[in-house]
C-alpha atoms as a PDB file:
ATOM      1  CA  MET A   1       2.604  -2.614   5.738  1.00  0.00           C
ATOM      2  CA  ALA A   2       1.408  -5.530   8.502  1.00  0.00           C
ATOM      3  CA  LYS A   3      -2.325  -6.236   8.461  1.00  0.00           C
ATOM      4  CA  ALA A   4      -4.246  -4.732  11.724  1.00  0.00           C
ATOM      5  CA  TYR A   5      -5.425  -7.305  14.031  1.00  0.00           C
ATOM      6  CA  SER A   6      -9.116  -7.503  14.240  1.00  0.00           C
ATOM      7  CA  ASP A   7     -11.214  -6.285  16.746  1.00  0.00           C
ATOM      8  CA  ASP A   8     -12.363  -9.887  17.867  1.00  0.00           C
ATOM      9  CA  PHE A   9      -9.225 -10.993  18.293  1.00  0.00           C
ATOM     10  CA  ARG A  10      -8.127  -7.643  20.808  1.00  0.00           C
ATOM     11  CA  GLN A  11     -10.843  -7.468  22.970  1.00  0.00           C
ATOM     12  CA  LYS A  12     -10.387 -11.026  24.044  1.00  0.00           C
ATOM     13  CA  VAL A  13      -6.401 -10.486  24.439  1.00  0.00           C
ATOM     14  CA  ILE A  14      -7.400  -7.097  26.984  1.00  0.00           C
ATOM     15  CA  GLN A  15     -10.326  -9.373  28.486  1.00  0.00           C
ATOM     16  CA  ALA A  16      -7.614 -12.491  29.255  1.00  0.00           C
ATOM     17  CA  ILE A  17      -5.795  -9.613  31.123  1.00  0.00           C
ATOM     18  CA  GLU A  18      -8.237  -7.797  32.426  1.00  0.00           C
ATOM     19  CA  LEU A  19     -11.005  -9.588  33.837  1.00  0.00           C
ATOM     20  CA  ASP A  20      -9.545 -13.201  34.108  1.00  0.00           C
ATOM     21  CA  GLY A  21      -5.854 -11.957  35.157  1.00  0.00           C
ATOM     22  CA  LEU A  22      -3.960 -13.022  32.894  1.00  0.00           C
ATOM     23  CA  LYS A  23      -0.477 -11.035  33.207  1.00  0.00           C
ATOM     24  CA  LYS A  24       0.960  -9.556  30.018  1.00  0.00           C
ATOM     25  CA  CYS A  25       3.632 -11.827  29.546  1.00  0.00           C
ATOM     26  CA  GLU A  26       1.840 -14.654  29.879  1.00  0.00           C
ATOM     27  CA  ALA A  27      -1.155 -13.756  26.980  1.00  0.00           C
ATOM     28  CA  SER A  28       1.861 -13.063  24.944  1.00  0.00           C
ATOM     29  CA  LEU A  29       2.832 -16.315  25.154  1.00  0.00           C
ATOM     30  CA  VAL A  30      -0.689 -17.701  24.553  1.00  0.00           C
ATOM     31  CA  PHE A  31      -1.973 -15.493  21.913  1.00  0.00           C
ATOM     32  CA  ASN A  32       1.497 -15.757  20.212  1.00  0.00           C
ATOM     33  CA  ILE A  33       1.895 -11.799  20.368  1.00  0.00           C
ATOM     34  CA  SER A  34       4.348  -9.381  21.383  1.00  0.00           C
ATOM     35  CA  ARG A  35       4.384  -7.849  24.682  1.00  0.00           C
ATOM     36  CA  ASN A  36       4.809  -4.656  23.324  1.00  0.00           C
ATOM     37  CA  THR A  37       1.374  -5.089  20.959  1.00  0.00           C
ATOM     38  CA  ILE A  38      -0.476  -6.114  23.908  1.00  0.00           C
ATOM     39  CA  ASN A  39       1.142  -2.536  26.127  1.00  0.00           C
ATOM     40  CA  LEU A  40       0.058  -0.210  22.766  1.00  0.00           C
ATOM     41  CA  TRP A  41      -3.476  -1.951  22.564  1.00  0.00           C
ATOM     42  CA  LEU A  42      -3.935  -0.687  27.084  1.00  0.00           C
ATOM     43  CA  GLN A  43      -2.406   2.355  26.115  1.00  0.00           C
ATOM     44  CA  ARG A  44      -4.597   3.315  23.433  1.00  0.00           C
ATOM     45  CA  LYS A  45      -7.802   1.550  25.514  1.00  0.00           C
ATOM     46  CA  ALA A  46      -6.964   4.576  28.405  1.00  0.00           C
ATOM     47  CA  GLN A  47      -6.694   7.285  25.988  1.00  0.00           C
ATOM     48  CA  THR A  48      -9.625   6.402  23.242  1.00  0.00           C
ATOM     49  CA  GLY A  49     -11.680   4.292  25.363  1.00  0.00           C
ATOM     50  CA  ASN A  50     -11.631   1.369  22.545  1.00  0.00           C
ATOM     51  CA  VAL A  51      -8.950  -0.919  20.974  1.00  0.00           C
ATOM     52  CA  LYS A  52      -9.804  -0.498  17.190  1.00  0.00           C
ATOM     53  CA  PRO A  53      -6.726   0.011  15.467  1.00  0.00           C
ATOM     54  CA  LYS A  54      -5.989   3.617  13.778  1.00  0.00           C
ATOM     55  CA  SER A  55      -7.759   4.072  10.207  1.00  0.00           C
ATOM     56  CA  ARG A  56      -5.701   4.094   7.551  1.00  0.00           C
ATOM     57  CA  LYS A  57      -5.616   6.692   4.647  1.00  0.00           C
ATOM     58  CA  ALA A  58      -5.825   5.458   1.023  1.00  0.00           C
ATOM     59  CA  SER A  59      -2.741   6.661  -0.349  1.00  0.00           C
ATOM     60  CA  GLN A  60      -3.632  10.141  -1.819  1.00  0.00           C
ATOM     61  CA  GLN A  61      -0.339   9.555  -4.789  1.00  0.00           C
ATOM     62  CA  SER A  62      -0.998  11.234  -7.786  1.00  0.00           C
ATOM     63  CA  GLY A  63       0.430   9.901 -11.521  1.00  0.00           C
ATOM     64  CA  LYS A  64       2.983  12.163 -12.656  1.00  0.00           C
ATOM     65  CA  ILE A  65       0.894  11.335 -15.825  1.00  0.00           C
ATOM     66  CA  LYS A  66      -2.550  13.119 -15.634  1.00  0.00           C
ATOM     67  CA  ASP A  67      -3.200  13.579 -18.953  1.00  0.00           C
ATOM     68  CA  TRP A  68      -3.712  10.507 -20.553  1.00  0.00           C
ATOM     69  CA  GLU A  69      -4.947  11.209 -24.070  1.00  0.00           C
ATOM     70  CA  LYS A  70      -2.363  13.307 -24.272  1.00  0.00           C
ATOM     71  CA  PHE A  71       0.438  10.562 -23.539  1.00  0.00           C
ATOM     72  CA  ARG A  72      -1.221   8.183 -26.077  1.00  0.00           C
ATOM     73  CA  THR A  73      -0.375  10.309 -28.654  1.00  0.00           C
ATOM     74  CA  PHE A  74       2.853  11.381 -27.242  1.00  0.00           C
ATOM     75  CA  VAL A  75       3.274   6.708 -27.309  1.00  0.00           C
ATOM     76  CA  LYS A  76       2.053   7.289 -31.283  1.00  0.00           C
ATOM     77  CA  GLN A  77       4.698   9.889 -32.048  1.00  0.00           C
ATOM     78  CA  TYR A  78       7.782   8.254 -29.857  1.00  0.00           C
ATOM     79  CA  ARG A  79       6.883   4.817 -30.430  1.00  0.00           C
ATOM     80  CA  ASP A  80      10.554   4.103 -32.034  1.00  0.00           C
ATOM     81  CA  LYS A  81      12.059   5.230 -28.790  1.00  0.00           C
ATOM     82  CA  THR A  82      13.133   3.453 -25.825  1.00  0.00           C
ATOM     83  CA  GLN A  83      11.434   4.222 -22.529  1.00  0.00           C
ATOM     84  CA  SER A  84      14.433   5.891 -21.227  1.00  0.00           C
ATOM     85  CA  GLU A  85      14.333   8.563 -24.524  1.00  0.00           C
ATOM     86  CA  MET A  86      10.610   8.738 -24.214  1.00  0.00           C
ATOM     87  CA  ALA A  87      11.207  10.199 -19.900  1.00  0.00           C
ATOM     88  CA  GLN A  88      13.766  12.522 -21.506  1.00  0.00           C
ATOM     89  CA  LEU A  89      11.173  13.690 -23.983  1.00  0.00           C
ATOM     90  CA  TRP A  90       8.608  13.707 -22.062  1.00  0.00           C
ATOM     91  CA  ASP A  91       7.020  17.133 -20.635  1.00  0.00           C
ATOM     92  CA  GLY A  92       8.494  17.390 -16.842  1.00  0.00           C
ATOM     93  CA  GLU A  93      10.447  14.654 -15.019  1.00  0.00           C
ATOM     94  CA  ILE A  94       9.299  11.265 -15.359  1.00  0.00           C
ATOM     95  CA  SER A  95      11.503   8.053 -15.166  1.00  0.00           C
ATOM     96  CA  GLN A  96      11.717   5.220 -17.439  1.00  0.00           C
ATOM     97  CA  ARG A  97       9.867   3.178 -14.871  1.00  0.00           C
ATOM     98  CA  THR A  98       6.562   5.812 -14.799  1.00  0.00           C
ATOM     99  CA  ILE A  99       6.812   5.537 -18.649  1.00  0.00           C
ATOM    100  CA  SER A 100       7.275   1.390 -18.297  1.00  0.00           C
ATOM    101  CA  ARG A 101       4.164   1.729 -16.085  1.00  0.00           C
ATOM    102  CA  ALA A 102       1.959   4.413 -18.112  1.00  0.00           C
ATOM    103  CA  LEU A 103       2.621   2.297 -21.527  1.00  0.00           C
ATOM    104  CA  GLN A 104       1.425  -0.887 -19.453  1.00  0.00           C
ATOM    105  CA  LYS A 105      -1.769   0.571 -18.328  1.00  0.00           C
ATOM    106  CA  ILE A 106      -2.911   1.834 -21.854  1.00  0.00           C
ATOM    107  CA  GLY A 107      -2.027  -1.743 -22.917  1.00  0.00           C
ATOM    108  CA  HIS A 108       0.744  -0.649 -25.441  1.00  0.00           C
ATOM    109  CA  THR A 109       3.221  -3.267 -26.163  1.00  0.00           C
ATOM    110  CA  ARG A 110       5.998  -3.766 -28.731  1.00  0.00           C
ATOM    111  CA  LYS A 111       5.307  -6.909 -29.808  1.00  0.00           C
ATOM    112  CA  LYS A 112       4.649  -7.139 -33.405  1.00  0.00           C
ATOM    113  CA  ASN A 113       1.630  -9.323 -34.764  1.00  0.00           C
ATOM    114  CA  ILE A 114       2.948 -11.523 -37.037  1.00  0.00           C
ATOM    115  CA  ARG A 115      -0.197 -12.144 -39.580  1.00  0.00           C
ATOM    116  CA  VAL A 116       0.432 -15.943 -41.600  1.00  0.00           C
END
């Protein structure tokens, strides 16, 4: 998702339109933003009294793997299997990509240590 414009910038654009008498289409060219963005900011100011962006809630994704100790023992038990095979053996529905990310998260690698 795109980063929101700063409050200072929003205030500057709205001030140019309301106080300085700049037209919306001129402001969009001067500040290099779309006219629709200006319309949305003015609409938000009319509704809420300010032009601050809506607060974004952090993603509440709960991972499919909850018990990491159980996953570590699972990996030790099935370390010779491929990620796709591990995904099929895991309790519940899980993808190969999820297994891959989880293995990376616990620091598991298939590379062998070559000792000279």
